[in-house]
Amino acid sequence: MRAQGAAEKLIAFELEGPGIARHGNPVLGGGEVTSGTLSPCLGTGIGLAYVPAERAAVGSRLELDVRGKMRPAVVKQKPLYRKGS
């Protein structure tokens, strides 16, 4: 595993529109949301998900299935907050 690297990585994401992803929501192309909520300081839906390693780069675009609707999201740098907010 050390030589090949991990098959999946835990990433932080931010939704690019309405909706709140929740535990168990699938990520299109592979992966699953582990947690999600509405960020009071960012004013948008955020969360964590396991995705294939090749899709884990900051800035990568994702599609999440949130209660039957596809929601666009983008991989963000951790942590997901603004200091002082």
PDB file of N, CA and C in Angstrom:
ATOM      1  N   MET A   1       0.827  -1.180   0.000  1.00  0.00           N
ATOM      2  CA  MET A   1       0.000   0.000   0.000  1.00  0.00           C
ATOM      3  C   MET A   1       0.880   1.256   0.000  1.00  0.00           C
ATOM      4  N   ARG A   2       1.975   1.234   0.728  1.00  0.00           N
ATOM      5  CA  ARG A   2       2.851   2.406   0.733  1.00  0.00           C
ATOM      6  C   ARG A   2       3.419   2.683  -0.644  1.00  0.00           C
ATOM      7  N   ALA A   3       3.777   1.659  -1.372  1.00  0.00           N
ATOM      8  CA  ALA A   3       4.354   1.838  -2.704  1.00  0.00           C
ATOM      9  C   ALA A   3       3.313   2.355  -3.703  1.00  0.00           C
ATOM     10  N   GLN A   4       2.086   1.854  -3.610  1.00  0.00           N
ATOM     11  CA  GLN A   4       1.037   2.228  -4.557  1.00  0.00           C
ATOM     12  C   GLN A   4       0.271   3.475  -4.126  1.00  0.00           C
ATOM     13  N   GLY A   5       0.233   3.760  -2.848  1.00  0.00           N
ATOM     14  CA  GLY A   5      -0.579   4.861  -2.338  1.00  0.00           C
ATOM     15  C   GLY A   5      -1.998   4.390  -2.068  1.00  0.00           C
ATOM     16  N   ALA A   6      -2.732   5.213  -1.377  1.00  0.00           N
ATOM     17  CA  ALA A   6      -4.110   4.860  -1.021  1.00  0.00           C
ATOM     18  C   ALA A   6      -5.022   4.924  -2.241  1.00  0.00           C
ATOM     19  N   ALA A   7      -5.978   4.015  -2.302  1.00  0.00           N
ATOM     20  CA  ALA A   7      -6.944   4.005  -3.411  1.00  0.00           C
ATOM     21  C   ALA A   7      -7.959   5.127  -3.258  1.00  0.00           C
ATOM     22  N   GLU A   8      -8.276   5.491  -2.014  1.00  0.00           N
ATOM     23  CA  GLU A   8      -9.232   6.559  -1.737  1.00  0.00           C
ATOM     24  C   GLU A   8      -8.602   7.568  -0.782  1.00  0.00           C
ATOM     25  N   LYS A   9      -9.097   8.799  -0.854  1.00  0.00           N
ATOM     26  CA  LYS A   9      -8.638   9.842   0.057  1.00  0.00           C
ATOM     27  C   LYS A   9      -9.836  10.567   0.639  1.00  0.00           C
ATOM     28  N   LEU A  10      -9.667  11.040   1.875  1.00  0.00           N
ATOM     29  CA  LEU A  10     -10.698  11.834   2.528  1.00  0.00           C
ATOM     30  C   LEU A  10     -10.497  13.282   2.126  1.00  0.00           C
ATOM     31  N   ILE A  11     -11.508  13.864   1.501  1.00  0.00           N
ATOM     32  CA  ILE A  11     -11.411  15.245   1.017  1.00  0.00           C
ATOM     33  C   ILE A  11     -12.488  16.105   1.675  1.00  0.00           C
ATOM     34  N   ALA A  12     -12.233  17.407   1.706  1.00  0.00           N
ATOM     35  CA  ALA A  12     -13.241  18.382   2.121  1.00  0.00           C
ATOM     36  C   ALA A  12     -13.860  18.952   0.858  1.00  0.00           C
ATOM     37  N   PHE A  13     -15.155  19.216   0.892  1.00  0.00           N
ATOM     38  CA  PHE A  13     -15.825  19.780  -0.280  1.00  0.00           C
ATOM     39  C   PHE A  13     -16.775  20.891   0.131  1.00  0.00           C
ATOM     40  N   GLU A  14     -17.082  21.738  -0.846  1.00  0.00           N
ATOM     41  CA  GLU A  14     -18.064  22.796  -0.674  1.00  0.00           C
ATOM     42  C   GLU A  14     -19.041  22.710  -1.828  1.00  0.00           C
ATOM     43  N   LEU A  15     -20.327  22.701  -1.525  1.00  0.00           N
ATOM     44  CA  LEU A  15     -21.348  22.672  -2.568  1.00  0.00           C
ATOM     45  C   LEU A  15     -21.391  24.014  -3.279  1.00  0.00           C
ATOM     46  N   GLU A  16     -21.640  23.985  -4.573  1.00  0.00           N
ATOM     47  CA  GLU A  16     -21.705  25.206  -5.378  1.00  0.00           C
ATOM     48  C   GLU A  16     -23.147  25.598  -5.669  1.00  0.00           C
ATOM     49  N   GLY A  17     -23.957  25.611  -4.686  1.00  0.00           N
ATOM     50  CA  GLY A  17     -25.366  25.940  -4.840  1.00  0.00           C
ATOM     51  C   GLY A  17     -26.125  25.441  -3.634  1.00  0.00           C
ATOM     52  N   PRO A  18     -27.451  25.372  -3.753  1.00  0.00           N
ATOM     53  CA  PRO A  18     -28.255  24.945  -2.605  1.00  0.00           C
ATOM     54  C   PRO A  18     -28.089  23.462  -2.315  1.00  0.00           C
ATOM     55  N   GLY A  19     -28.405  23.100  -1.093  1.00  0.00           N
ATOM     56  CA  GLY A  19     -28.385  21.702  -0.689  1.00  0.00           C
ATOM     57  C   GLY A  19     -27.390  21.447   0.415  1.00  0.00           C
ATOM     58  N   ILE A  20     -27.627  20.367   1.141  1.00  0.00           N
ATOM     59  CA  ILE A  20     -26.738  19.938   2.214  1.00  0.00           C
ATOM     60  C   ILE A  20     -26.518  18.441   2.044  1.00  0.00           C
ATOM     61  N   ALA A  21     -25.292  18.061   1.780  1.00  0.00           N
ATOM     62  CA  ALA A  21     -24.958  16.639   1.654  1.00  0.00           C
ATOM     63  C   ALA A  21     -24.952  15.997   3.038  1.00  0.00           C
ATOM     64  N   ARG A  22     -25.332  14.749   3.084  1.00  0.00           N
ATOM     65  CA  ARG A  22     -25.382  14.009   4.349  1.00  0.00           C
ATOM     66  C   ARG A  22     -24.629  12.688   4.219  1.00  0.00           C
ATOM     67  N   HIS A  23     -24.320  12.109   5.373  1.00  0.00           N
ATOM     68  CA  HIS A  23     -23.629  10.826   5.440  1.00  0.00           C
ATOM     69  C   HIS A  23     -24.305   9.806   4.526  1.00  0.00           C
ATOM     70  N   GLY A  24     -23.512   9.153   3.712  1.00  0.00           N
ATOM     71  CA  GLY A  24     -24.038   8.109   2.839  1.00  0.00           C
ATOM     72  C   GLY A  24     -24.399   8.563   1.442  1.00  0.00           C
ATOM     73  N   ASN A  25     -24.476   9.879   1.190  1.00  0.00           N
ATOM     74  CA  ASN A  25     -24.765  10.349  -0.170  1.00  0.00           C
ATOM     75  C   ASN A  25     -23.645   9.915  -1.102  1.00  0.00           C
ATOM     76  N   PRO A  26     -23.984   9.346  -2.258  1.00  0.00           N
ATOM     77  CA  PRO A  26     -22.946   8.908  -3.194  1.00  0.00           C
ATOM     78  C   PRO A  26     -22.327  10.068  -3.977  1.00  0.00           C
ATOM     79  N   VAL A  27     -21.063   9.882  -4.343  1.00  0.00           N
ATOM     80  CA  VAL A  27     -20.344  10.820  -5.197  1.00  0.00           C
ATOM     81  C   VAL A  27     -20.292  10.181  -6.583  1.00  0.00           C
ATOM     82  N   LEU A  28     -20.745  10.910  -7.598  1.00  0.00           N
ATOM     83  CA  LEU A  28     -20.743  10.400  -8.964  1.00  0.00           C
ATOM     84  C   LEU A  28     -19.316  10.062  -9.381  1.00  0.00           C
ATOM     85  N   GLY A  29     -19.107   8.876  -9.926  1.00  0.00           N
ATOM     86  CA  GLY A  29     -17.774   8.443 -10.335  1.00  0.00           C
ATOM     87  C   GLY A  29     -17.024   7.702  -9.245  1.00  0.00           C
ATOM     88  N   GLY A  30     -17.661   7.478  -8.106  1.00  0.00           N
ATOM     89  CA  GLY A  30     -17.040   6.733  -7.017  1.00  0.00           C
ATOM     90  C   GLY A  30     -16.842   7.593  -5.797  1.00  0.00           C
ATOM     91  N   GLY A  31     -17.142   7.025  -4.657  1.00  0.00           N
ATOM     92  CA  GLY A  31     -16.953   7.716  -3.397  1.00  0.00           C
ATOM     93  C   GLY A  31     -18.251   7.869  -2.637  1.00  0.00           C
ATOM     94  N   GLU A  32     -18.111   8.344  -1.394  1.00  0.00           N
ATOM     95  CA  GLU A  32     -19.270   8.487  -0.521  1.00  0.00           C
ATOM     96  C   GLU A  32     -19.016   9.593   0.496  1.00  0.00           C
ATOM     97  N   VAL A  33     -20.059  10.374   0.759  1.00  0.00           N
ATOM     98  CA  VAL A  33     -19.989  11.436   1.761  1.00  0.00           C
ATOM     99  C   VAL A  33     -19.943  10.791   3.142  1.00  0.00           C
ATOM    100  N   THR A  34     -19.041  11.278   4.000  1.00  0.00           N
ATOM    101  CA  THR A  34     -18.963  10.778   5.374  1.00  0.00           C
ATOM    102  C   THR A  34     -19.676  11.709   6.345  1.00  0.00           C
ATOM    103  N   SER A  35     -19.715  13.005   6.007  1.00  0.00           N
ATOM    104  CA  SER A  35     -20.425  13.969   6.852  1.00  0.00           C
ATOM    105  C   SER A  35     -20.689  15.230   6.052  1.00  0.00           C
ATOM    106  N   GLY A  36     -21.736  15.952   6.431  1.00  0.00           N
ATOM    107  CA  GLY A  36     -22.058  17.198   5.751  1.00  0.00           C
ATOM    108  C   GLY A  36     -22.983  18.040   6.591  1.00  0.00           C
ATOM    109  N   THR A  37     -22.904  19.353   6.389  1.00  0.00           N
ATOM    110  CA  THR A  37     -23.727  20.288   7.141  1.00  0.00           C
ATOM    111  C   THR A  37     -23.756  21.630   6.414  1.00  0.00           C
ATOM    112  N   LEU A  38     -24.514  22.567   6.957  1.00  0.00           N
ATOM    113  CA  LEU A  38     -24.513  23.938   6.468  1.00  0.00           C
ATOM    114  C   LEU A  38     -23.520  24.716   7.313  1.00  0.00           C
ATOM    115  N   SER A  39     -22.537  25.320   6.675  1.00  0.00           N
ATOM    116  CA  SER A  39     -21.536  26.104   7.395  1.00  0.00           C
ATOM    117  C   SER A  39     -22.083  27.490   7.705  1.00  0.00           C
ATOM    118  N   PRO A  40     -22.188  27.856   8.989  1.00  0.00           N
ATOM    119  CA  PRO A  40     -22.690  29.182   9.316  1.00  0.00           C
ATOM    120  C   PRO A  40     -21.721  30.302   8.921  1.00  0.00           C
ATOM    121  N   CYS A  41     -20.420  30.030   8.945  1.00  0.00           N
ATOM    122  CA  CYS A  41     -19.471  31.097   8.601  1.00  0.00           C
ATOM    123  C   CYS A  41     -19.248  31.214   7.101  1.00  0.00           C
ATOM    124  N   LEU A  42     -19.460  30.139   6.331  1.00  0.00           N
ATOM    125  CA  LEU A  42     -19.305  30.197   4.879  1.00  0.00           C
ATOM    126  C   LEU A  42     -20.637  30.410   4.166  1.00  0.00           C
ATOM    127  N   GLY A  43     -21.736  30.052   4.840  1.00  0.00           N
ATOM    128  CA  GLY A  43     -23.058  30.241   4.262  1.00  0.00           C
ATOM    129  C   GLY A  43     -23.399  29.270   3.153  1.00  0.00           C
ATOM    130  N   THR A  44     -22.770  28.109   3.146  1.00  0.00           N
ATOM    131  CA  THR A  44     -23.012  27.108   2.105  1.00  0.00           C
ATOM    132  C   THR A  44     -22.842  25.706   2.685  1.00  0.00           C
ATOM    133  N   GLY A  45     -23.261  24.699   1.925  1.00  0.00           N
ATOM    134  CA  GLY A  45     -23.110  23.320   2.355  1.00  0.00           C
ATOM    135  C   GLY A  45     -21.667  22.859   2.213  1.00  0.00           C
ATOM    136  N   ILE A  46     -21.153  22.201   3.255  1.00  0.00           N
ATOM    137  CA  ILE A  46     -19.789  21.668   3.244  1.00  0.00           C
ATOM    138  C   ILE A  46     -19.813  20.239   3.745  1.00  0.00           C
ATOM    139  N   GLY A  47     -18.692  19.538   3.594  1.00  0.00           N
ATOM    140  CA  GLY A  47     -18.622  18.187   4.130  1.00  0.00           C
ATOM    141  C   GLY A  47     -17.309  17.515   3.817  1.00  0.00           C
ATOM    142  N   LEU A  48     -17.251  16.247   4.188  1.00  0.00           N
ATOM    143  CA  LEU A  48     -16.111  15.381   3.931  1.00  0.00           C
ATOM    144  C   LEU A  48     -16.597  14.162   3.171  1.00  0.00           C
ATOM    145  N   ALA A  49     -15.744  13.635   2.303  1.00  0.00           N
ATOM    146  CA  ALA A  49     -16.108  12.448   1.530  1.00  0.00           C
ATOM    147  C   ALA A  49     -14.855  11.669   1.182  1.00  0.00           C
ATOM    148  N   TYR A  50     -15.012  10.364   1.047  1.00  0.00           N
ATOM    149  CA  TYR A  50     -13.956   9.535   0.485  1.00  0.00           C
ATOM    150  C   TYR A  50     -14.185   9.468  -1.016  1.00  0.00           C
ATOM    151  N   VAL A  51     -13.151   9.767  -1.790  1.00  0.00           N
ATOM    152  CA  VAL A  51     -13.220   9.712  -3.249  1.00  0.00           C
ATOM    153  C   VAL A  51     -11.981   8.993  -3.764  1.00  0.00           C
ATOM    154  N   PRO A  52     -12.010   8.482  -5.009  1.00  0.00           N
ATOM    155  CA  PRO A  52     -10.810   7.886  -5.583  1.00  0.00           C
ATOM    156  C   PRO A  52      -9.649   8.893  -5.554  1.00  0.00           C
ATOM    157  N   ALA A  53      -8.461   8.419  -5.283  1.00  0.00           N
ATOM    158  CA  ALA A  53      -7.287   9.278  -5.110  1.00  0.00           C
ATOM    159  C   ALA A  53      -7.069  10.220  -6.284  1.00  0.00           C
ATOM    160  N   GLU A  54      -7.361   9.778  -7.500  1.00  0.00           N
ATOM    161  CA  GLU A  54      -7.129  10.623  -8.675  1.00  0.00           C
ATOM    162  C   GLU A  54      -8.107  11.800  -8.765  1.00  0.00           C
ATOM    163  N   ARG A  55      -9.160  11.800  -7.953  1.00  0.00           N
ATOM    164  CA  ARG A  55     -10.149  12.893  -7.965  1.00  0.00           C
ATOM    165  C   ARG A  55     -10.057  13.752  -6.710  1.00  0.00           C
ATOM    166  N   ALA A  56      -8.978  13.591  -5.928  1.00  0.00           N
ATOM    167  CA  ALA A  56      -8.878  14.239  -4.625  1.00  0.00           C
ATOM    168  C   ALA A  56      -8.115  15.561  -4.629  1.00  0.00           C
ATOM    169  N   ALA A  57      -7.652  16.028  -5.774  1.00  0.00           N
ATOM    170  CA  ALA A  57      -6.879  17.271  -5.816  1.00  0.00           C
ATOM    171  C   ALA A  57      -7.766  18.482  -5.512  1.00  0.00           C
ATOM    172  N   VAL A  58      -7.219  19.435  -4.756  1.00  0.00           N
ATOM    173  CA  VAL A  58      -7.940  20.663  -4.448  1.00  0.00           C
ATOM    174  C   VAL A  58      -8.322  21.346  -5.760  1.00  0.00           C
ATOM    175  N   GLY A  59      -9.586  21.743  -5.854  1.00  0.00           N
ATOM    176  CA  GLY A  59     -10.098  22.371  -7.066  1.00  0.00           C
ATOM    177  C   GLY A  59     -10.835  21.425  -7.992  1.00  0.00           C
ATOM    178  N   SER A  60     -10.730  20.116  -7.750  1.00  0.00           N
ATOM    179  CA  SER A  60     -11.442  19.134  -8.579  1.00  0.00           C
ATOM    180  C   SER A  60     -12.942  19.306  -8.408  1.00  0.00           C
ATOM    181  N   ARG A  61     -13.676  19.109  -9.476  1.00  0.00           N
ATOM    182  CA  ARG A  61     -15.135  19.219  -9.446  1.00  0.00           C
ATOM    183  C   ARG A  61     -15.740  17.842  -9.211  1.00  0.00           C
ATOM    184  N   LEU A  62     -16.802  17.820  -8.394  1.00  0.00           N
ATOM    185  CA  LEU A  62     -17.520  16.597  -8.061  1.00  0.00           C
ATOM    186  C   LEU A  62     -19.005  16.808  -8.279  1.00  0.00           C
ATOM    187  N   GLU A  63     -19.735  15.721  -8.408  1.00  0.00           N
ATOM    188  CA  GLU A  63     -21.200  15.736  -8.440  1.00  0.00           C
ATOM    189  C   GLU A  63     -21.671  14.807  -7.326  1.00  0.00           C
ATOM    190  N   LEU A  64     -22.502  15.338  -6.437  1.00  0.00           N
ATOM    191  CA  LEU A  64     -23.028  14.561  -5.318  1.00  0.00           C
ATOM    192  C   LEU A  64     -24.516  14.321  -5.520  1.00  0.00           C
ATOM    193  N   ASP A  65     -24.951  13.107  -5.214  1.00  0.00           N
ATOM    194  CA  ASP A  65     -26.371  12.778  -5.270  1.00  0.00           C
ATOM    195  C   ASP A  65     -26.974  13.092  -3.905  1.00  0.00           C
ATOM    196  N   VAL A  66     -27.667  14.228  -3.818  1.00  0.00           N
ATOM    197  CA  VAL A  66     -28.282  14.663  -2.567  1.00  0.00           C
ATOM    198  C   VAL A  66     -29.789  14.484  -2.696  1.00  0.00           C
ATOM    199  N   ARG A  67     -30.297  13.438  -2.084  1.00  0.00           N
ATOM    200  CA  ARG A  67     -31.727  13.104  -2.115  1.00  0.00           C
ATOM    201  C   ARG A  67     -32.287  13.072  -3.529  1.00  0.00           C
ATOM    202  N   GLY A  68     -31.549  12.429  -4.432  1.00  0.00           N
ATOM    203  CA  GLY A  68     -32.027  12.242  -5.797  1.00  0.00           C
ATOM    204  C   GLY A  68     -31.715  13.370  -6.758  1.00  0.00           C
ATOM    205  N   LYS A  69     -31.097  14.441  -6.288  1.00  0.00           N
ATOM    206  CA  LYS A  69     -30.711  15.553  -7.168  1.00  0.00           C
ATOM    207  C   LYS A  69     -29.193  15.655  -7.200  1.00  0.00           C
ATOM    208  N   MET A  70     -28.655  15.833  -8.395  1.00  0.00           N
ATOM    209  CA  MET A  70     -27.205  15.975  -8.528  1.00  0.00           C
ATOM    210  C   MET A  70     -26.826  17.408  -8.173  1.00  0.00           C
ATOM    211  N   ARG A  71     -25.887  17.533  -7.258  1.00  0.00           N
ATOM    212  CA  ARG A  71     -25.428  18.839  -6.789  1.00  0.00           C
ATOM    213  C   ARG A  71     -23.936  18.987  -7.086  1.00  0.00           C
ATOM    214  N   PRO A  72     -23.524  20.092  -7.735  1.00  0.00           N
ATOM    215  CA  PRO A  72     -22.100  20.301  -8.007  1.00  0.00           C
ATOM    216  C   PRO A  72     -21.357  20.711  -6.739  1.00  0.00           C
ATOM    217  N   ALA A  73     -20.126  20.240  -6.633  1.00  0.00           N
ATOM    218  CA  ALA A  73     -19.274  20.572  -5.493  1.00  0.00           C
ATOM    219  C   ALA A  73     -17.834  20.691  -5.980  1.00  0.00           C
ATOM    220  N   VAL A  74     -17.018  21.301  -5.156  1.00  0.00           N
ATOM    221  CA  VAL A  74     -15.598  21.453  -5.482  1.00  0.00           C
ATOM    222  C   VAL A  74     -14.776  21.025  -4.266  1.00  0.00           C
ATOM    223  N   VAL A  75     -13.663  20.342  -4.526  1.00  0.00           N
ATOM    224  CA  VAL A  75     -12.756  19.905  -3.466  1.00  0.00           C
ATOM    225  C   VAL A  75     -12.025  21.137  -2.934  1.00  0.00           C
ATOM    226  N   LYS A  76     -12.019  21.288  -1.626  1.00  0.00           N
ATOM    227  CA  LYS A  76     -11.407  22.442  -0.963  1.00  0.00           C
ATOM    228  C   LYS A  76     -10.281  22.005  -0.033  1.00  0.00           C
ATOM    229  N   GLN A  77      -9.428  22.964   0.292  1.00  0.00           N
ATOM    230  CA  GLN A  77      -8.356  22.750   1.261  1.00  0.00           C
ATOM    231  C   GLN A  77      -8.962  22.655   2.653  1.00  0.00           C
ATOM    232  N   LYS A  78      -8.458  21.752   3.487  1.00  0.00           N
ATOM    233  CA  LYS A  78      -8.906  21.671   4.870  1.00  0.00           C
ATOM    234  C   LYS A  78      -8.087  22.652   5.696  1.00  0.00           C
ATOM    235  N   PRO A  79      -8.620  23.230   6.733  1.00  0.00           N
ATOM    236  CA  PRO A  79      -9.974  23.159   7.264  1.00  0.00           C
ATOM    237  C   PRO A  79     -10.918  24.111   6.533  1.00  0.00           C
ATOM    238  N   LEU A  80     -12.190  23.833   6.647  1.00  0.00           N
ATOM    239  CA  LEU A  80     -13.221  24.597   5.942  1.00  0.00           C
ATOM    240  C   LEU A  80     -13.816  25.688   6.835  1.00  0.00           C
ATOM    241  N   TYR A  81     -13.034  26.663   7.172  1.00  0.00           N
ATOM    242  CA  TYR A  81     -13.556  27.800   7.927  1.00  0.00           C
ATOM    243  C   TYR A  81     -12.663  28.999   7.671  1.00  0.00           C
ATOM    244  N   ARG A  82     -13.199  30.170   7.985  1.00  0.00           N
ATOM    245  CA  ARG A  82     -12.420  31.403   7.905  1.00  0.00           C
ATOM    246  C   ARG A  82     -12.108  31.846   9.329  1.00  0.00           C
ATOM    247  N   LYS A  83     -10.859  32.045   9.616  1.00  0.00           N
ATOM    248  CA  LYS A  83     -10.459  32.474  10.955  1.00  0.00           C
ATOM    249  C   LYS A  83     -11.080  33.829  11.267  1.00  0.00           C
ATOM    250  N   GLY A  84     -11.664  33.932  12.446  1.00  0.00           N
ATOM    251  CA  GLY A  84     -12.274  35.176  12.865  1.00  0.00           C
ATOM    252  C   GLY A  84     -13.733  35.315  12.469  1.00  0.00           C
ATOM    253  N   SER A  85     -14.309  34.309  11.806  1.00  0.00           N
ATOM    254  CA  SER A  85     -15.712  34.395  11.393  1.00  0.00           C
ATOM    255  C   SER A  85     -16.607  33.775  12.426  1.00  0.00           C
TER     256      SER A  85
END
